[in-house]
Amino acid sequence: MAKKAILLIPLTYNDGSSVPEEVLDEIYEALFELSGGHTSAGTVRGAYRMKDGTRQTDLLEQVWVAYEEADKPRLRELVAGFCALLGQEAMYLEFTDSIIEFVSPDGEP
């Protein structure tokens, strides 16, 4: 049974420059390969205290992913890779208690 995870993907690097569309496409493709889909829930603004104590404020894309429990470690590995790719100290990954169902037109999950 699928569960829901929420990721916050930075749309800019820490220096303020935009993350290229090709890089974002690579991230979204990796999520698609893992879970068979994802949903962009919109752009949000967040702040993070860096290791040196400074505040980093970012524009981020909130992305929902349905995952199977067996894929949880792989999703965490993917996010760690995204973190390195984007030059981040850390990235937000939330595992919710939601249960995901994809309901067909006949009403069956």
N, C-alpha and C. Protein backbone atom coordinates (compact mmCIF):
# COMPACT_ATOMS: atom_id res chain seq x y z
N MET A 1 0.85 -1.18 0.00
CA MET A 1 0.00 0.00 0.00
C MET A 1 0.89 1.24 0.00
N ALA A 2 0.62 2.15 -0.89
CA ALA A 2 1.46 3.33 -1.05
C ALA A 2 1.26 4.33 0.08
N LYS A 3 2.35 5.02 0.41
CA LYS A 3 2.34 6.09 1.39
C LYS A 3 2.83 7.37 0.71
N LYS A 4 2.67 8.50 1.39
CA LYS A 4 3.00 9.79 0.81
C LYS A 4 4.25 10.37 1.47
N ALA A 5 5.16 10.87 0.63
CA ALA A 5 6.31 11.63 1.10
C ALA A 5 6.24 13.02 0.46
N ILE A 6 6.74 14.00 1.17
CA ILE A 6 6.80 15.38 0.68
C ILE A 6 8.26 15.80 0.64
N LEU A 7 8.68 16.33 -0.51
CA LEU A 7 10.05 16.85 -0.67
C LEU A 7 9.94 18.34 -0.96
N LEU A 8 10.93 19.08 -0.52
CA LEU A 8 11.07 20.48 -0.90
C LEU A 8 12.33 20.59 -1.73
N ILE A 9 12.16 20.87 -3.02
CA ILE A 9 13.28 20.92 -3.95
C ILE A 9 13.64 22.37 -4.21
N PRO A 10 14.88 22.78 -3.87
CA PRO A 10 15.29 24.17 -4.11
C PRO A 10 15.24 24.52 -5.60
N LEU A 11 14.75 25.71 -5.89
CA LEU A 11 14.70 26.19 -7.27
C LEU A 11 15.88 27.11 -7.58
N THR A 12 16.65 27.43 -6.54
CA THR A 12 17.87 28.23 -6.71
C THR A 12 18.98 27.59 -5.89
N TYR A 13 20.21 27.82 -6.33
CA TYR A 13 21.37 27.41 -5.54
C TYR A 13 21.54 28.41 -4.40
N ASN A 14 22.41 28.08 -3.46
CA ASN A 14 22.61 28.95 -2.30
C ASN A 14 23.16 30.33 -2.68
N ASP A 15 23.77 30.44 -3.86
CA ASP A 15 24.27 31.75 -4.31
C ASP A 15 23.18 32.58 -4.98
N GLY A 16 21.96 32.04 -5.06
CA GLY A 16 20.84 32.75 -5.65
C GLY A 16 20.59 32.48 -7.12
N SER A 17 21.51 31.80 -7.79
CA SER A 17 21.32 31.50 -9.21
C SER A 17 20.29 30.38 -9.37
N SER A 18 19.55 30.43 -10.47
CA SER A 18 18.49 29.46 -10.73
C SER A 18 19.04 28.08 -11.05
N VAL A 19 18.37 27.06 -10.54
CA VAL A 19 18.69 25.69 -10.91
C VAL A 19 18.17 25.49 -12.34
N PRO A 20 19.01 25.03 -13.26
CA PRO A 20 18.58 24.84 -14.65
C PRO A 20 17.44 23.81 -14.76
N GLU A 21 16.57 24.04 -15.73
CA GLU A 21 15.45 23.12 -15.97
C GLU A 21 15.92 21.69 -16.19
N GLU A 22 17.08 21.53 -16.86
CA GLU A 22 17.59 20.17 -17.12
C GLU A 22 17.88 19.43 -15.81
N VAL A 23 18.38 20.15 -14.81
CA VAL A 23 18.69 19.55 -13.51
C VAL A 23 17.39 19.17 -12.81
N LEU A 24 16.41 20.07 -12.84
CA LEU A 24 15.12 19.77 -12.23
C LEU A 24 14.45 18.58 -12.93
N ASP A 25 14.55 18.56 -14.26
CA ASP A 25 13.99 17.43 -15.02
C ASP A 25 14.64 16.11 -14.61
N GLU A 26 15.93 16.13 -14.36
CA GLU A 26 16.65 14.93 -13.91
C GLU A 26 16.10 14.45 -12.56
N ILE A 27 15.85 15.40 -11.67
CA ILE A 27 15.30 15.08 -10.34
C ILE A 27 13.90 14.48 -10.49
N TYR A 28 13.03 15.15 -11.27
CA TYR A 28 11.67 14.66 -11.45
C TYR A 28 11.65 13.29 -12.14
N GLU A 29 12.56 13.06 -13.07
CA GLU A 29 12.64 11.76 -13.74
C GLU A 29 13.03 10.66 -12.75
N ALA A 30 13.97 10.94 -11.87
CA ALA A 30 14.39 9.96 -10.87
C ALA A 30 13.22 9.61 -9.94
N LEU A 31 12.45 10.62 -9.55
CA LEU A 31 11.27 10.37 -8.71
C LEU A 31 10.24 9.54 -9.46
N PHE A 32 10.05 9.85 -10.75
CA PHE A 32 9.11 9.10 -11.57
C PHE A 32 9.54 7.64 -11.68
N GLU A 33 10.82 7.41 -11.92
CA GLU A 33 11.32 6.04 -12.05
C GLU A 33 11.11 5.25 -10.76
N LEU A 34 11.26 5.91 -9.60
CA LEU A 34 11.08 5.23 -8.33
C LEU A 34 9.61 4.91 -8.06
N SER A 35 8.75 5.90 -8.27
CA SER A 35 7.38 5.75 -7.79
C SER A 35 6.32 5.70 -8.88
N GLY A 36 6.68 5.97 -10.13
CA GLY A 36 5.71 5.95 -11.20
C GLY A 36 4.95 7.26 -11.34
N GLY A 37 5.32 8.27 -10.57
CA GLY A 37 4.67 9.57 -10.68
C GLY A 37 5.05 10.48 -9.53
N HIS A 38 4.65 11.72 -9.63
CA HIS A 38 4.84 12.71 -8.57
C HIS A 38 3.91 13.88 -8.86
N THR A 39 3.67 14.70 -7.87
CA THR A 39 2.82 15.87 -8.02
C THR A 39 3.54 17.09 -7.49
N SER A 40 3.61 18.13 -8.31
CA SER A 40 4.14 19.41 -7.85
C SER A 40 3.00 20.17 -7.21
N ALA A 41 3.13 20.47 -5.93
CA ALA A 41 2.06 21.12 -5.17
C ALA A 41 2.24 22.63 -5.11
N GLY A 42 3.24 23.15 -5.82
CA GLY A 42 3.42 24.59 -5.88
C GLY A 42 4.73 25.05 -5.29
N THR A 43 4.97 26.34 -5.49
CA THR A 43 6.20 26.95 -4.99
C THR A 43 5.95 27.49 -3.59
N VAL A 44 6.90 27.24 -2.72
CA VAL A 44 6.84 27.72 -1.34
C VAL A 44 8.16 28.42 -1.00
N ARG A 45 8.15 29.20 0.05
CA ARG A 45 9.37 29.86 0.53
C ARG A 45 9.71 29.26 1.89
N GLY A 46 10.98 28.97 2.09
CA GLY A 46 11.41 28.39 3.36
C GLY A 46 12.73 28.99 3.80
N ALA A 47 13.01 28.86 5.08
CA ALA A 47 14.27 29.34 5.64
C ALA A 47 14.93 28.19 6.39
N TYR A 48 16.25 28.17 6.35
CA TYR A 48 17.05 27.10 6.96
C TYR A 48 18.26 27.73 7.63
N ARG A 49 18.54 27.29 8.87
CA ARG A 49 19.74 27.76 9.56
C ARG A 49 20.92 26.90 9.11
N MET A 50 21.87 27.54 8.43
CA MET A 50 23.05 26.85 7.93
C MET A 50 23.95 26.44 9.11
N LYS A 51 24.87 25.52 8.87
CA LYS A 51 25.78 25.06 9.92
C LYS A 51 26.58 26.21 10.55
N ASP A 52 26.85 27.25 9.73
CA ASP A 52 27.60 28.39 10.26
C ASP A 52 26.71 29.41 10.96
N GLY A 53 25.41 29.10 11.08
CA GLY A 53 24.47 29.95 11.80
C GLY A 53 23.73 30.96 10.95
N THR A 54 24.12 31.12 9.70
CA THR A 54 23.44 32.09 8.84
C THR A 54 22.10 31.55 8.37
N ARG A 55 21.22 32.47 8.01
CA ARG A 55 19.91 32.11 7.50
C ARG A 55 19.98 32.00 5.97
N GLN A 56 19.46 30.91 5.44
CA GLN A 56 19.33 30.73 4.00
C GLN A 56 17.84 30.67 3.69
N THR A 57 17.34 31.60 2.91
CA THR A 57 15.94 31.61 2.50
C THR A 57 15.87 31.20 1.04
N ASP A 58 14.98 30.27 0.74
CA ASP A 58 14.91 29.70 -0.60
C ASP A 58 13.48 29.65 -1.13
N LEU A 59 13.37 29.68 -2.45
CA LEU A 59 12.14 29.29 -3.13
C LEU A 59 12.29 27.81 -3.43
N LEU A 60 11.24 27.04 -3.14
CA LEU A 60 11.30 25.59 -3.27
C LEU A 60 10.03 25.09 -3.95
N GLU A 61 10.16 23.99 -4.63
CA GLU A 61 9.00 23.31 -5.22
C GLU A 61 8.60 22.21 -4.25
N GLN A 62 7.34 22.24 -3.80
CA GLN A 62 6.83 21.18 -2.94
C GLN A 62 6.37 20.03 -3.84
N VAL A 63 6.94 18.86 -3.62
CA VAL A 63 6.65 17.71 -4.48
C VAL A 63 6.14 16.56 -3.61
N TRP A 64 5.02 16.00 -4.02
CA TRP A 64 4.44 14.84 -3.34
C TRP A 64 4.80 13.59 -4.14
N VAL A 65 5.17 12.55 -3.42
CA VAL A 65 5.53 11.28 -4.05
C VAL A 65 4.82 10.14 -3.32
N ALA A 66 4.19 9.26 -4.07
CA ALA A 66 3.63 8.04 -3.50
C ALA A 66 4.72 6.97 -3.57
N TYR A 67 4.99 6.32 -2.45
CA TYR A 67 6.06 5.33 -2.42
C TYR A 67 5.61 4.10 -1.64
N GLU A 68 6.20 2.99 -1.94
CA GLU A 68 5.98 1.77 -1.19
C GLU A 68 7.00 1.71 -0.05
N GLU A 69 6.61 1.14 1.05
CA GLU A 69 7.50 1.08 2.23
C GLU A 69 8.87 0.49 1.88
N ALA A 70 8.88 -0.50 1.01
CA ALA A 70 10.15 -1.13 0.60
C ALA A 70 11.06 -0.15 -0.13
N ASP A 71 10.48 0.91 -0.73
CA ASP A 71 11.25 1.90 -1.47
C ASP A 71 11.70 3.09 -0.63
N LYS A 72 11.33 3.12 0.64
CA LYS A 72 11.67 4.25 1.52
C LYS A 72 13.18 4.50 1.57
N PRO A 73 14.01 3.46 1.77
CA PRO A 73 15.46 3.71 1.78
C PRO A 73 15.97 4.27 0.45
N ARG A 74 15.44 3.79 -0.66
CA ARG A 74 15.86 4.28 -1.98
C ARG A 74 15.44 5.73 -2.17
N LEU A 75 14.26 6.10 -1.68
CA LEU A 75 13.83 7.50 -1.78
C LEU A 75 14.76 8.39 -0.96
N ARG A 76 15.14 7.94 0.22
CA ARG A 76 16.07 8.70 1.06
C ARG A 76 17.43 8.85 0.34
N GLU A 77 17.89 7.78 -0.31
CA GLU A 77 19.15 7.85 -1.09
C GLU A 77 19.04 8.84 -2.24
N LEU A 78 17.89 8.83 -2.93
CA LEU A 78 17.69 9.77 -4.03
C LEU A 78 17.78 11.21 -3.53
N VAL A 79 17.11 11.49 -2.42
CA VAL A 79 17.13 12.85 -1.88
C VAL A 79 18.54 13.24 -1.46
N ALA A 80 19.30 12.32 -0.91
CA ALA A 80 20.71 12.61 -0.57
C ALA A 80 21.49 12.96 -1.83
N GLY A 81 21.22 12.25 -2.93
CA GLY A 81 21.86 12.56 -4.20
C GLY A 81 21.44 13.92 -4.74
N PHE A 82 20.15 14.27 -4.59
CA PHE A 82 19.67 15.58 -5.01
C PHE A 82 20.38 16.67 -4.20
N CYS A 83 20.53 16.40 -2.92
CA CYS A 83 21.20 17.33 -2.01
C CYS A 83 22.61 17.63 -2.51
N ALA A 84 23.35 16.61 -2.86
CA ALA A 84 24.71 16.78 -3.38
C ALA A 84 24.69 17.50 -4.73
N LEU A 85 23.77 17.10 -5.60
CA LEU A 85 23.65 17.70 -6.92
C LEU A 85 23.38 19.20 -6.85
N LEU A 86 22.58 19.60 -5.87
CA LEU A 86 22.19 21.00 -5.73
C LEU A 86 23.07 21.79 -4.77
N GLY A 87 24.09 21.13 -4.19
CA GLY A 87 25.01 21.82 -3.29
C GLY A 87 24.37 22.26 -1.98
N GLN A 88 23.44 21.47 -1.47
CA GLN A 88 22.72 21.80 -0.25
C GLN A 88 23.36 21.13 0.97
N GLU A 89 23.24 21.76 2.13
CA GLU A 89 23.68 21.11 3.37
C GLU A 89 22.70 20.01 3.77
N ALA A 90 21.43 20.24 3.49
CA ALA A 90 20.37 19.28 3.81
C ALA A 90 19.16 19.61 2.95
N MET A 91 18.28 18.62 2.79
CA MET A 91 17.01 18.85 2.09
C MET A 91 15.88 18.28 2.92
N TYR A 92 14.73 18.92 2.83
CA TYR A 92 13.53 18.52 3.56
C TYR A 92 12.89 17.31 2.90
N LEU A 93 12.65 16.27 3.69
CA LEU A 93 11.95 15.06 3.25
C LEU A 93 11.03 14.65 4.38
N GLU A 94 9.74 14.63 4.12
CA GLU A 94 8.74 14.29 5.13
C GLU A 94 8.03 13.00 4.73
N PHE A 95 8.01 12.04 5.64
CA PHE A 95 7.24 10.82 5.44
C PHE A 95 5.95 10.97 6.25
N THR A 96 4.81 10.97 5.55
CA THR A 96 3.54 11.18 6.22
C THR A 96 2.90 9.86 6.60
N ASP A 97 1.82 9.93 7.38
CA ASP A 97 1.05 8.74 7.74
C ASP A 97 -0.07 8.48 6.74
N SER A 98 -0.09 9.25 5.66
CA SER A 98 -1.15 9.10 4.66
C SER A 98 -1.04 7.75 3.95
N ILE A 99 -2.18 7.23 3.57
CA ILE A 99 -2.25 6.04 2.73
C ILE A 99 -2.77 6.52 1.37
N ILE A 100 -2.06 6.18 0.31
CA ILE A 100 -2.41 6.61 -1.04
C ILE A 100 -3.16 5.50 -1.76
N GLU A 101 -4.27 5.85 -2.39
CA GLU A 101 -4.98 4.94 -3.28
C GLU A 101 -5.17 5.64 -4.61
N PHE A 102 -4.98 4.91 -5.69
CA PHE A 102 -5.30 5.40 -7.01
C PHE A 102 -6.58 4.66 -7.42
N VAL A 103 -7.67 5.41 -7.50
CA VAL A 103 -8.98 4.83 -7.75
C VAL A 103 -9.29 4.90 -9.24
N SER A 104 -9.70 3.77 -9.81
CA SER A 104 -10.04 3.68 -11.23
C SER A 104 -11.50 4.12 -11.44
N PRO A 105 -11.90 4.31 -12.71
CA PRO A 105 -13.29 4.74 -12.97
C PRO A 105 -14.35 3.79 -12.42
N ASP A 106 -14.02 2.51 -12.27
CA ASP A 106 -15.01 1.58 -11.71
C ASP A 106 -15.04 1.60 -10.19
N GLY A 107 -14.26 2.51 -9.59
CA GLY A 107 -14.26 2.67 -8.14
C GLY A 107 -13.32 1.75 -7.39
N GLU A 108 -12.61 0.92 -8.14
CA GLU A 108 -11.66 -0.01 -7.50
C GLU A 108 -10.29 0.65 -7.35
N PRO A 109 -9.64 0.40 -6.20
CA PRO A 109 -8.26 0.94 -6.05
C PRO A 109 -7.28 0.21 -6.94
